[in-house]
Amino acid sequence: MKAVGVIPARYGSTRFPGKPLAPILGRPMIWHVYQRVRQCAVLERVLVATDDERIIRAVREFGGEARLTSREHRCGTDRVAEAARDLQADIIVNIQGDEPLIEPGMISEVIEPLRDDPSIPIATLVREFEDHLDPEDPSLVKAVLTRDQSVLYFSRWPIASGWPSSAPSVAGDVGSPRTARQSRSHCTYRHIGIYAYRQEALAAFSSFGPSLLELAEDLEQLRALENGLSIRAVVTDYATQGVDRPEDVEAVEARMRELGAEPQAVSLSGDL
């Protein structure tokens, strides 16, 4: 079963224009993402899908593959769908272009459900919602799951929020007592924006066009759920550290230094 990784990279981010080319330890962010994705042995090919020639030049300069896509796409998955239209692949993995610390193992995890079960059209990753995180933070997307780990809903706002802060123990999945706090932790997860699509599911997703829930929450994955495409979640132990705003770069660089990365001379194609 052939799997291809596609990294959507839009130049005109509202909060961080030129983000894919932002220097991180002297190299453009898209370089870091691309190099880490290439380490995943289950991907036969990796390419960047972008709307800007500057990103095309930067990717090709370091030996990567890039495709120019329309500037009209309102979400990364539509950009991925355009780039993947003629790819000879069974599974397309959508890997966010602002995750310079992505672990190759995450890609293997998200592909596994589609390889194990031919009835699953889409898979994604979630983590248990860590206690130190603020559930009111709209940049942290929340997910609630069914017992078989299919996604019921995604939201930027607290969901499954009816659990009281202190309450008698409640029944667990297999009849064992569990506190209300533990129950809430069990049913609410933090979404990690990496997806594996069957080729036909990706094409269907793009053909639907933006949905009402997608627009209301500003979450593209709701388009799939609203149109009857199920999403299987994989609970991962991997943590990520993305770049949403310019101030996030410093934290990512600090983490990279902890991992032994060395600064490089800046070399970017095009003007930021």
C-alpha atoms as a PDB file:
ATOM      1  CA  MET A   1       0.000   0.000   0.000  1.00  0.00           C
ATOM      2  CA  LYS A   2       1.732   3.160  -1.235  1.00  0.00           C
ATOM      3  CA  ALA A   3       1.723   6.235   1.015  1.00  0.00           C
ATOM      4  CA  VAL A   4       2.834   9.738  -0.002  1.00  0.00           C
ATOM      5  CA  GLY A   5       3.362  12.707   2.308  1.00  0.00           C
ATOM      6  CA  VAL A   6       2.183  16.168   1.244  1.00  0.00           C
ATOM      7  CA  ILE A   7       3.125  19.280   3.225  1.00  0.00           C
ATOM      8  CA  PRO A   8       0.813  22.259   2.561  1.00  0.00           C
ATOM      9  CA  ALA A   9       2.678  25.564   2.897  1.00  0.00           C
ATOM     10  CA  ARG A  10       0.854  28.861   2.405  1.00  0.00           C
ATOM     11  CA  TYR A  11       2.899  32.050   2.213  1.00  0.00           C
ATOM     12  CA  GLY A  12       0.192  34.555   3.172  1.00  0.00           C
ATOM     13  CA  SER A  13      -0.569  33.594   6.777  1.00  0.00           C
ATOM     14  CA  THR A  14      -2.572  36.325   8.517  1.00  0.00           C
ATOM     15  CA  ARG A  15      -0.751  35.961  11.849  1.00  0.00           C
ATOM     16  CA  PHE A  16       2.657  35.176  10.375  1.00  0.00           C
ATOM     17  CA  PRO A  17       3.211  36.180   6.715  1.00  0.00           C
ATOM     18  CA  GLY A  18       5.965  34.172   5.045  1.00  0.00           C
ATOM     19  CA  LYS A  19       5.902  31.602   7.836  1.00  0.00           C
ATOM     20  CA  PRO A  20       7.218  28.620   5.806  1.00  0.00           C
ATOM     21  CA  LEU A  21      10.391  30.606   5.042  1.00  0.00           C
ATOM     22  CA  ALA A  22      10.891  31.930   8.575  1.00  0.00           C
ATOM     23  CA  PRO A  23      14.458  31.127   9.683  1.00  0.00           C
ATOM     24  CA  ILE A  24      14.776  28.576  12.469  1.00  0.00           C
ATOM     25  CA  LEU A  25      18.387  28.078  13.504  1.00  0.00           C
ATOM     26  CA  GLY A  26      19.370  29.583  10.172  1.00  0.00           C
ATOM     27  CA  ARG A  27      17.254  27.398   7.893  1.00  0.00           C
ATOM     28  CA  PRO A  28      13.714  27.989   6.602  1.00  0.00           C
ATOM     29  CA  MET A  29      11.031  26.287   8.649  1.00  0.00           C
ATOM     30  CA  ILE A  30       9.885  24.262   5.646  1.00  0.00           C
ATOM     31  CA  TRP A  31      13.387  22.731   5.478  1.00  0.00           C
ATOM     32  CA  HIS A  32      13.061  21.423   9.043  1.00  0.00           C
ATOM     33  CA  VAL A  33       9.607  19.955   8.381  1.00  0.00           C
ATOM     34  CA  TYR A  34      10.686  18.348   5.114  1.00  0.00           C
ATOM     35  CA  GLN A  35      13.821  16.755   6.546  1.00  0.00           C
ATOM     36  CA  ARG A  36      11.957  15.223   9.483  1.00  0.00           C
ATOM     37  CA  VAL A  37       9.141  13.917   7.281  1.00  0.00           C
ATOM     38  CA  ARG A  38      11.666  12.300   4.926  1.00  0.00           C
ATOM     39  CA  GLN A  39      12.903  10.204   7.846  1.00  0.00           C
ATOM     40  CA  CYS A  40       9.598   8.294   7.898  1.00  0.00           C
ATOM     41  CA  ALA A  41      10.291   4.982   6.169  1.00  0.00           C
ATOM     42  CA  VAL A  42       6.619   4.282   5.371  1.00  0.00           C
ATOM     43  CA  LEU A  43       6.401   7.235   2.952  1.00  0.00           C
ATOM     44  CA  GLU A  44       7.526   6.516  -0.589  1.00  0.00           C
ATOM     45  CA  ARG A  45       7.529  10.189  -1.575  1.00  0.00           C
ATOM     46  CA  VAL A  46       7.337  13.615   0.069  1.00  0.00           C
ATOM     47  CA  LEU A  47       6.361  16.888  -1.581  1.00  0.00           C
ATOM     48  CA  VAL A  48       5.411  20.433  -0.619  1.00  0.00           C
ATOM     49  CA  ALA A  49       2.170  21.971  -1.946  1.00  0.00           C
ATOM     50  CA  THR A  50       2.338  25.764  -1.974  1.00  0.00           C
ATOM     51  CA  ASP A  51       0.780  28.867  -3.482  1.00  0.00           C
ATOM     52  CA  ASP A  52       4.002  30.862  -3.817  1.00  0.00           C
ATOM     53  CA  GLU A  53       7.047  30.702  -6.089  1.00  0.00           C
ATOM     54  CA  ARG A  54       9.330  31.780  -3.247  1.00  0.00           C
ATOM     55  CA  ILE A  55       8.514  28.613  -1.352  1.00  0.00           C
ATOM     56  CA  ILE A  56       8.904  26.553  -4.532  1.00  0.00           C
ATOM     57  CA  ARG A  57      12.411  27.970  -5.018  1.00  0.00           C
ATOM     58  CA  ALA A  58      13.386  27.440  -1.383  1.00  0.00           C
ATOM     59  CA  VAL A  59      12.279  23.791  -1.433  1.00  0.00           C
ATOM     60  CA  ARG A  60      13.981  23.016  -4.729  1.00  0.00           C
ATOM     61  CA  GLU A  61      17.129  24.759  -3.523  1.00  0.00           C
ATOM     62  CA  PHE A  62      17.564  22.167  -0.779  1.00  0.00           C
ATOM     63  CA  GLY A  63      16.676  19.298  -3.135  1.00  0.00           C
ATOM     64  CA  GLY A  64      13.027  18.833  -2.191  1.00  0.00           C
ATOM     65  CA  GLU A  65       9.987  18.361  -4.415  1.00  0.00           C
ATOM     66  CA  ALA A  66       7.357  21.112  -4.591  1.00  0.00           C
ATOM     67  CA  ARG A  67       4.183  21.781  -6.574  1.00  0.00           C
ATOM     68  CA  LEU A  68       2.530  25.121  -7.204  1.00  0.00           C
ATOM     69  CA  THR A  69      -1.177  25.148  -6.304  1.00  0.00           C
ATOM     70  CA  SER A  70      -4.003  27.668  -6.471  1.00  0.00           C
ATOM     71  CA  ARG A  71      -4.033  30.737  -4.231  1.00  0.00           C
ATOM     72  CA  GLU A  72      -7.789  30.314  -3.811  1.00  0.00           C
ATOM     73  CA  HIS A  73      -7.780  27.375  -1.390  1.00  0.00           C
ATOM     74  CA  ARG A  74      -9.173  28.290   2.009  1.00  0.00           C
ATOM     75  CA  CYS A  75      -7.688  25.294   3.817  1.00  0.00           C
ATOM     76  CA  GLY A  76      -4.608  23.117   3.694  1.00  0.00           C
ATOM     77  CA  THR A  77      -6.495  19.934   2.832  1.00  0.00           C
ATOM     78  CA  ASP A  78      -7.868  21.443  -0.385  1.00  0.00           C
ATOM     79  CA  ARG A  79      -4.297  22.401  -1.295  1.00  0.00           C
ATOM     80  CA  VAL A  80      -3.149  18.848  -0.558  1.00  0.00           C
ATOM     81  CA  ALA A  81      -6.001  17.446  -2.669  1.00  0.00           C
ATOM     82  CA  GLU A  82      -4.973  19.536  -5.672  1.00  0.00           C
ATOM     83  CA  ALA A  83      -1.327  18.511  -5.376  1.00  0.00           C
ATOM     84  CA  ALA A  84      -2.258  14.842  -4.928  1.00  0.00           C
ATOM     85  CA  ARG A  85      -4.742  14.651  -7.791  1.00  0.00           C
ATOM     86  CA  ASP A  86      -2.450  12.701 -10.126  1.00  0.00           C
ATOM     87  CA  LEU A  87      -0.306  10.933  -7.530  1.00  0.00           C
ATOM     88  CA  GLN A  88      -0.260   7.155  -7.796  1.00  0.00           C
ATOM     89  CA  ALA A  89      -0.834   6.481  -4.108  1.00  0.00           C
ATOM     90  CA  ASP A  90      -3.317   4.645  -1.915  1.00  0.00           C
ATOM     91  CA  ILE A  91      -2.821   6.900   1.116  1.00  0.00           C
ATOM     92  CA  ILE A  92      -2.081  10.624   1.204  1.00  0.00           C
ATOM     93  CA  VAL A  93      -0.720  12.014   4.472  1.00  0.00           C
ATOM     94  CA  ASN A  94      -1.368  15.703   5.150  1.00  0.00           C
ATOM     95  CA  ILE A  95       1.515  16.966   7.302  1.00  0.00           C
ATOM     96  CA  GLN A  96       1.315  20.523   8.615  1.00  0.00           C
ATOM     97  CA  GLY A  97       4.025  22.852   7.327  1.00  0.00           C
ATOM     98  CA  ASP A  98       4.378  24.631  10.672  1.00  0.00           C
ATOM     99  CA  GLU A  99       5.469  21.587  12.705  1.00  0.00           C
ATOM    100  CA  PRO A 100       9.299  21.708  12.522  1.00  0.00           C
ATOM    101  CA  LEU A 101       9.571  19.222  15.402  1.00  0.00           C
ATOM    102  CA  ILE A 102       7.262  16.570  13.971  1.00  0.00           C
ATOM    103  CA  GLU A 103       8.365  13.035  14.797  1.00  0.00           C
ATOM    104  CA  PRO A 104       8.512  10.511  11.922  1.00  0.00           C
ATOM    105  CA  GLY A 105       6.790   8.006  14.216  1.00  0.00           C
ATOM    106  CA  MET A 106       3.658  10.159  14.208  1.00  0.00           C
ATOM    107  CA  ILE A 107       3.303   9.608  10.478  1.00  0.00           C
ATOM    108  CA  SER A 108       3.586   5.850  10.911  1.00  0.00           C
ATOM    109  CA  GLU A 109       0.928   5.961  13.643  1.00  0.00           C
ATOM    110  CA  VAL A 110      -1.613   7.902  11.590  1.00  0.00           C
ATOM    111  CA  ILE A 111      -1.244   5.586   8.583  1.00  0.00           C
ATOM    112  CA  GLU A 112      -1.682   2.365  10.569  1.00  0.00           C
ATOM    113  CA  PRO A 113      -5.521   2.387  10.912  1.00  0.00           C
ATOM    114  CA  LEU A 114      -5.951   2.712   7.134  1.00  0.00           C
ATOM    115  CA  ARG A 115      -3.593  -0.200   6.542  1.00  0.00           C
ATOM    116  CA  ASP A 116      -5.333  -2.353   9.155  1.00  0.00           C
ATOM    117  CA  ASP A 117      -8.966  -1.603   8.247  1.00  0.00           C
ATOM    118  CA  PRO A 118     -10.058  -0.915   4.640  1.00  0.00           C
ATOM    119  CA  SER A 119     -13.335   0.622   5.848  1.00  0.00           C
ATOM    120  CA  ILE A 120     -11.604   3.615   7.492  1.00  0.00           C
ATOM    121  CA  PRO A 121     -11.422   6.617   5.113  1.00  0.00           C
ATOM    122  CA  ILE A 122      -9.481   9.103   7.268  1.00  0.00           C
ATOM    123  CA  ALA A 123      -7.300   8.940  10.372  1.00  0.00           C
ATOM    124  CA  THR A 124      -5.764  11.594  12.601  1.00  0.00           C
ATOM    125  CA  LEU A 125      -3.835  11.894  15.874  1.00  0.00           C
ATOM    126  CA  VAL A 126      -4.925  13.069  19.326  1.00  0.00           C
ATOM    127  CA  ARG A 127      -3.242  13.320  22.732  1.00  0.00           C
ATOM    128  CA  GLU A 128      -4.692  13.208  26.207  1.00  0.00           C
ATOM    129  CA  PHE A 129      -5.412  16.770  27.262  1.00  0.00           C
ATOM    130  CA  GLU A 130      -2.571  17.727  29.589  1.00  0.00           C
ATOM    131  CA  ASP A 131      -3.480  19.304  32.930  1.00  0.00           C
ATOM    132  CA  HIS A 132      -1.263  22.372  32.420  1.00  0.00           C
ATOM    133  CA  LEU A 133      -3.053  23.387  29.206  1.00  0.00           C
ATOM    134  CA  ASP A 134      -5.945  25.842  29.160  1.00  0.00           C
ATOM    135  CA  PRO A 135      -9.082  24.248  27.666  1.00  0.00           C
ATOM    136  CA  GLU A 136     -10.378  27.755  26.912  1.00  0.00           C
ATOM    137  CA  ASP A 137      -7.467  28.406  24.510  1.00  0.00           C
ATOM    138  CA  PRO A 138      -8.996  28.360  20.998  1.00  0.00           C
ATOM    139  CA  SER A 139      -5.638  27.506  19.415  1.00  0.00           C
ATOM    140  CA  LEU A 140      -5.805  24.113  21.166  1.00  0.00           C
ATOM    141  CA  VAL A 141      -8.354  22.088  19.236  1.00  0.00           C
ATOM    142  CA  LYS A 142     -10.346  19.652  21.346  1.00  0.00           C
ATOM    143  CA  ALA A 143     -11.735  16.297  20.181  1.00  0.00           C
ATOM    144  CA  VAL A 144     -14.244  13.863  21.662  1.00  0.00           C
ATOM    145  CA  LEU A 145     -14.283  10.228  20.571  1.00  0.00           C
ATOM    146  CA  THR A 146     -16.548   7.206  20.464  1.00  0.00           C
ATOM    147  CA  ARG A 147     -15.567   4.003  22.249  1.00  0.00           C
ATOM    148  CA  ASP A 148     -13.910   2.703  19.063  1.00  0.00           C
ATOM    149  CA  GLN A 149     -11.928   5.967  18.789  1.00  0.00           C
ATOM    150  CA  SER A 150     -13.881   7.470  15.938  1.00  0.00           C
ATOM    151  CA  VAL A 151     -14.164  11.242  16.259  1.00  0.00           C
ATOM    152  CA  LEU A 152     -17.539  12.582  17.348  1.00  0.00           C
ATOM    153  CA  TYR A 153     -16.628  16.265  17.095  1.00  0.00           C
ATOM    154  CA  PHE A 154     -13.792  18.792  17.062  1.00  0.00           C
ATOM    155  CA  SER A 155     -14.010  22.254  18.605  1.00  0.00           C
ATOM    156  CA  ARG A 156     -11.834  25.206  19.524  1.00  0.00           C
ATOM    157  CA  TRP A 157     -13.873  25.514  22.706  1.00  0.00           C
ATOM    158  CA  PRO A 158     -14.288  23.171  25.703  1.00  0.00           C
ATOM    159  CA  ILE A 159     -16.458  20.186  24.816  1.00  0.00           C
ATOM    160  CA  ALA A 160     -17.677  17.360  27.004  1.00  0.00           C
ATOM    161  CA  SER A 161     -17.557  20.185  29.546  1.00  0.00           C
ATOM    162  CA  GLY A 162     -20.387  19.022  31.782  1.00  0.00           C
ATOM    163  CA  TRP A 163     -18.194  17.062  34.178  1.00  0.00           C
ATOM    164  CA  PRO A 164     -18.241  18.780  37.581  1.00  0.00           C
ATOM    165  CA  SER A 165     -14.943  19.738  39.192  1.00  0.00           C
ATOM    166  CA  SER A 166     -15.698  17.398  42.090  1.00  0.00           C
ATOM    167  CA  ALA A 167     -18.205  14.574  42.016  1.00  0.00           C
ATOM    168  CA  PRO A 168     -18.713  10.994  43.134  1.00  0.00           C
ATOM    169  CA  SER A 169     -16.883   8.362  41.136  1.00  0.00           C
ATOM    170  CA  VAL A 170     -18.563   7.250  37.927  1.00  0.00           C
ATOM    171  CA  ALA A 171     -18.480   3.970  36.046  1.00  0.00           C
ATOM    172  CA  GLY A 172     -15.512   3.384  33.788  1.00  0.00           C
ATOM    173  CA  ASP A 173     -15.488   1.684  30.418  1.00  0.00           C
ATOM    174  CA  VAL A 174     -15.220  -1.762  31.979  1.00  0.00           C
ATOM    175  CA  GLY A 175     -17.172  -1.135  35.154  1.00  0.00           C
ATOM    176  CA  SER A 176     -14.332   0.101  37.368  1.00  0.00           C
ATOM    177  CA  PRO A 177     -14.891   3.331  39.319  1.00  0.00           C
ATOM    178  CA  ARG A 178     -13.335   6.462  37.917  1.00  0.00           C
ATOM    179  CA  THR A 179     -13.432  10.025  39.224  1.00  0.00           C
ATOM    180  CA  ALA A 180     -15.227  12.726  37.281  1.00  0.00           C
ATOM    181  CA  ARG A 181     -11.903  14.434  36.565  1.00  0.00           C
ATOM    182  CA  GLN A 182     -10.465  11.211  35.159  1.00  0.00           C
ATOM    183  CA  SER A 183     -13.596  10.633  33.094  1.00  0.00           C
ATOM    184  CA  ARG A 184     -13.366  14.062  31.542  1.00  0.00           C
ATOM    185  CA  SER A 185      -9.668  13.539  30.795  1.00  0.00           C
ATOM    186  CA  HIS A 186     -10.550  10.219  29.183  1.00  0.00           C
ATOM    187  CA  CYS A 187     -13.162  11.598  26.794  1.00  0.00           C
ATOM    188  CA  THR A 188     -11.604  14.933  25.783  1.00  0.00           C
ATOM    189  CA  TYR A 189      -8.409  14.978  23.770  1.00  0.00           C
ATOM    190  CA  ARG A 190      -6.157  17.557  22.162  1.00  0.00           C
ATOM    191  CA  HIS A 191      -6.114  17.246  18.399  1.00  0.00           C
ATOM    192  CA  ILE A 192      -2.830  17.063  16.485  1.00  0.00           C
ATOM    193  CA  GLY A 193      -3.303  18.240  12.904  1.00  0.00           C
ATOM    194  CA  ILE A 194      -1.882  15.394  10.862  1.00  0.00           C
ATOM    195  CA  TYR A 195      -4.207  13.319   8.666  1.00  0.00           C
ATOM    196  CA  ALA A 196      -4.030  10.167   6.563  1.00  0.00           C
ATOM    197  CA  TYR A 197      -6.584   9.972   3.739  1.00  0.00           C
ATOM    198  CA  ARG A 198      -7.449   7.287   1.298  1.00  0.00           C
ATOM    199  CA  GLN A 199      -7.070   8.864  -2.123  1.00  0.00           C
ATOM    200  CA  GLU A 200     -10.813   8.640  -2.833  1.00  0.00           C
ATOM    201  CA  ALA A 201     -11.720  10.139   0.570  1.00  0.00           C
ATOM    202  CA  LEU A 202      -9.413  13.100  -0.041  1.00  0.00           C
ATOM    203  CA  ALA A 203     -10.988  13.720  -3.444  1.00  0.00           C
ATOM    204  CA  ALA A 204     -14.473  13.522  -1.910  1.00  0.00           C
ATOM    205  CA  PHE A 205     -13.508  15.922   0.889  1.00  0.00           C
ATOM    206  CA  SER A 206     -12.345  18.525  -1.602  1.00  0.00           C
ATOM    207  CA  SER A 207     -15.434  18.116  -3.790  1.00  0.00           C
ATOM    208  CA  PHE A 208     -17.817  18.917  -0.915  1.00  0.00           C
ATOM    209  CA  GLY A 209     -16.694  22.521  -0.516  1.00  0.00           C
ATOM    210  CA  PRO A 210     -16.673  24.382   2.824  1.00  0.00           C
ATOM    211  CA  SER A 211     -19.357  23.223   5.271  1.00  0.00           C
ATOM    212  CA  LEU A 212     -21.360  25.143   7.858  1.00  0.00           C
ATOM    213  CA  LEU A 213     -19.605  23.594  10.859  1.00  0.00           C
ATOM    214  CA  GLU A 214     -16.222  24.068   9.209  1.00  0.00           C
ATOM    215  CA  LEU A 215     -16.923  27.780   8.812  1.00  0.00           C
ATOM    216  CA  ALA A 216     -18.443  28.149  12.282  1.00  0.00           C
ATOM    217  CA  GLU A 217     -15.460  26.596  14.079  1.00  0.00           C
ATOM    218  CA  ASP A 218     -12.796  27.462  11.475  1.00  0.00           C
ATOM    219  CA  LEU A 219     -11.805  23.780  11.460  1.00  0.00           C
ATOM    220  CA  GLU A 220     -11.530  22.127   8.056  1.00  0.00           C
ATOM    221  CA  GLN A 221     -11.786  18.570   9.440  1.00  0.00           C
ATOM    222  CA  LEU A 222     -15.420  19.191  10.369  1.00  0.00           C
ATOM    223  CA  ARG A 223     -16.213  19.199   6.645  1.00  0.00           C
ATOM    224  CA  ALA A 224     -15.521  15.469   6.615  1.00  0.00           C
ATOM    225  CA  LEU A 225     -17.738  14.710   9.621  1.00  0.00           C
ATOM    226  CA  GLU A 226     -20.564  16.926   8.381  1.00  0.00           C
ATOM    227  CA  ASN A 227     -20.572  15.065   5.055  1.00  0.00           C
ATOM    228  CA  GLY A 228     -20.529  11.582   6.574  1.00  0.00           C
ATOM    229  CA  LEU A 229     -16.822  10.733   6.288  1.00  0.00           C
ATOM    230  CA  SER A 230     -15.724   9.163   9.557  1.00  0.00           C
ATOM    231  CA  ILE A 231     -12.342   9.970  11.111  1.00  0.00           C
ATOM    232  CA  ARG A 232     -10.525   7.399  13.231  1.00  0.00           C
ATOM    233  CA  ALA A 233      -8.332   8.879  15.968  1.00  0.00           C
ATOM    234  CA  VAL A 234      -5.056   7.392  17.150  1.00  0.00           C
ATOM    235  CA  VAL A 235      -4.079   8.369  20.701  1.00  0.00           C
ATOM    236  CA  THR A 236      -0.386   9.209  20.552  1.00  0.00           C
ATOM    237  CA  ASP A 237       2.242   9.774  23.205  1.00  0.00           C
ATOM    238  CA  TYR A 238       4.208  12.061  20.906  1.00  0.00           C
ATOM    239  CA  ALA A 239       4.158  15.774  21.693  1.00  0.00           C
ATOM    240  CA  THR A 240       4.487  18.545  19.130  1.00  0.00           C
ATOM    241  CA  GLN A 241       5.582  22.152  19.262  1.00  0.00           C
ATOM    242  CA  GLY A 242       4.178  24.087  16.318  1.00  0.00           C
ATOM    243  CA  VAL A 243       4.749  27.627  15.090  1.00  0.00           C
ATOM    244  CA  ASP A 244       1.576  29.730  14.979  1.00  0.00           C
ATOM    245  CA  ARG A 245       3.071  33.176  15.613  1.00  0.00           C
ATOM    246  CA  PRO A 246       6.527  34.777  15.264  1.00  0.00           C
ATOM    247  CA  GLU A 247       7.067  34.536  19.021  1.00  0.00           C
ATOM    248  CA  ASP A 248       6.826  30.708  18.824  1.00  0.00           C
ATOM    249  CA  VAL A 249      10.095  30.478  16.880  1.00  0.00           C
ATOM    250  CA  GLU A 250      12.247  31.154  19.932  1.00  0.00           C
ATOM    251  CA  ALA A 251      10.710  28.258  21.881  1.00  0.00           C
ATOM    252  CA  VAL A 252      11.162  25.882  18.946  1.00  0.00           C
ATOM    253  CA  GLU A 253      14.796  26.924  18.541  1.00  0.00           C
ATOM    254  CA  ALA A 254      15.388  26.340  22.248  1.00  0.00           C
ATOM    255  CA  ARG A 255      13.922  22.855  21.978  1.00  0.00           C
ATOM    256  CA  MET A 256      16.045  22.089  18.917  1.00  0.00           C
ATOM    257  CA  ARG A 257      19.171  23.154  20.775  1.00  0.00           C
ATOM    258  CA  GLU A 258      18.204  20.791  23.592  1.00  0.00           C
ATOM    259  CA  LEU A 259      18.053  18.042  20.970  1.00  0.00           C
ATOM    260  CA  GLY A 260      21.528  18.931  19.719  1.00  0.00           C
ATOM    261  CA  ALA A 261      20.750  20.982  16.607  1.00  0.00           C
ATOM    262  CA  GLU A 262      23.321  23.575  15.553  1.00  0.00           C
ATOM    263  CA  PRO A 263      22.590  26.994  13.988  1.00  0.00           C
ATOM    264  CA  GLN A 264      23.260  27.281  10.244  1.00  0.00           C
ATOM    265  CA  ALA A 265      24.029  30.202   7.964  1.00  0.00           C
ATOM    266  CA  VAL A 266      20.788  31.699   6.658  1.00  0.00           C
ATOM    267  CA  SER A 267      20.070  30.749   3.039  1.00  0.00           C
ATOM    268  CA  LEU A 268      16.621  31.556   1.700  1.00  0.00           C
ATOM    269  CA  SER A 269      15.278  31.840  -1.835  1.00  0.00           C
ATOM    270  CA  GLY A 270      13.218  34.943  -2.441  1.00  0.00           C
ATOM    271  CA  ASP A 271      12.450  37.878  -0.205  1.00  0.00           C
ATOM    272  CA  LEU A 272      10.372  37.471   2.922  1.00  0.00           C
END
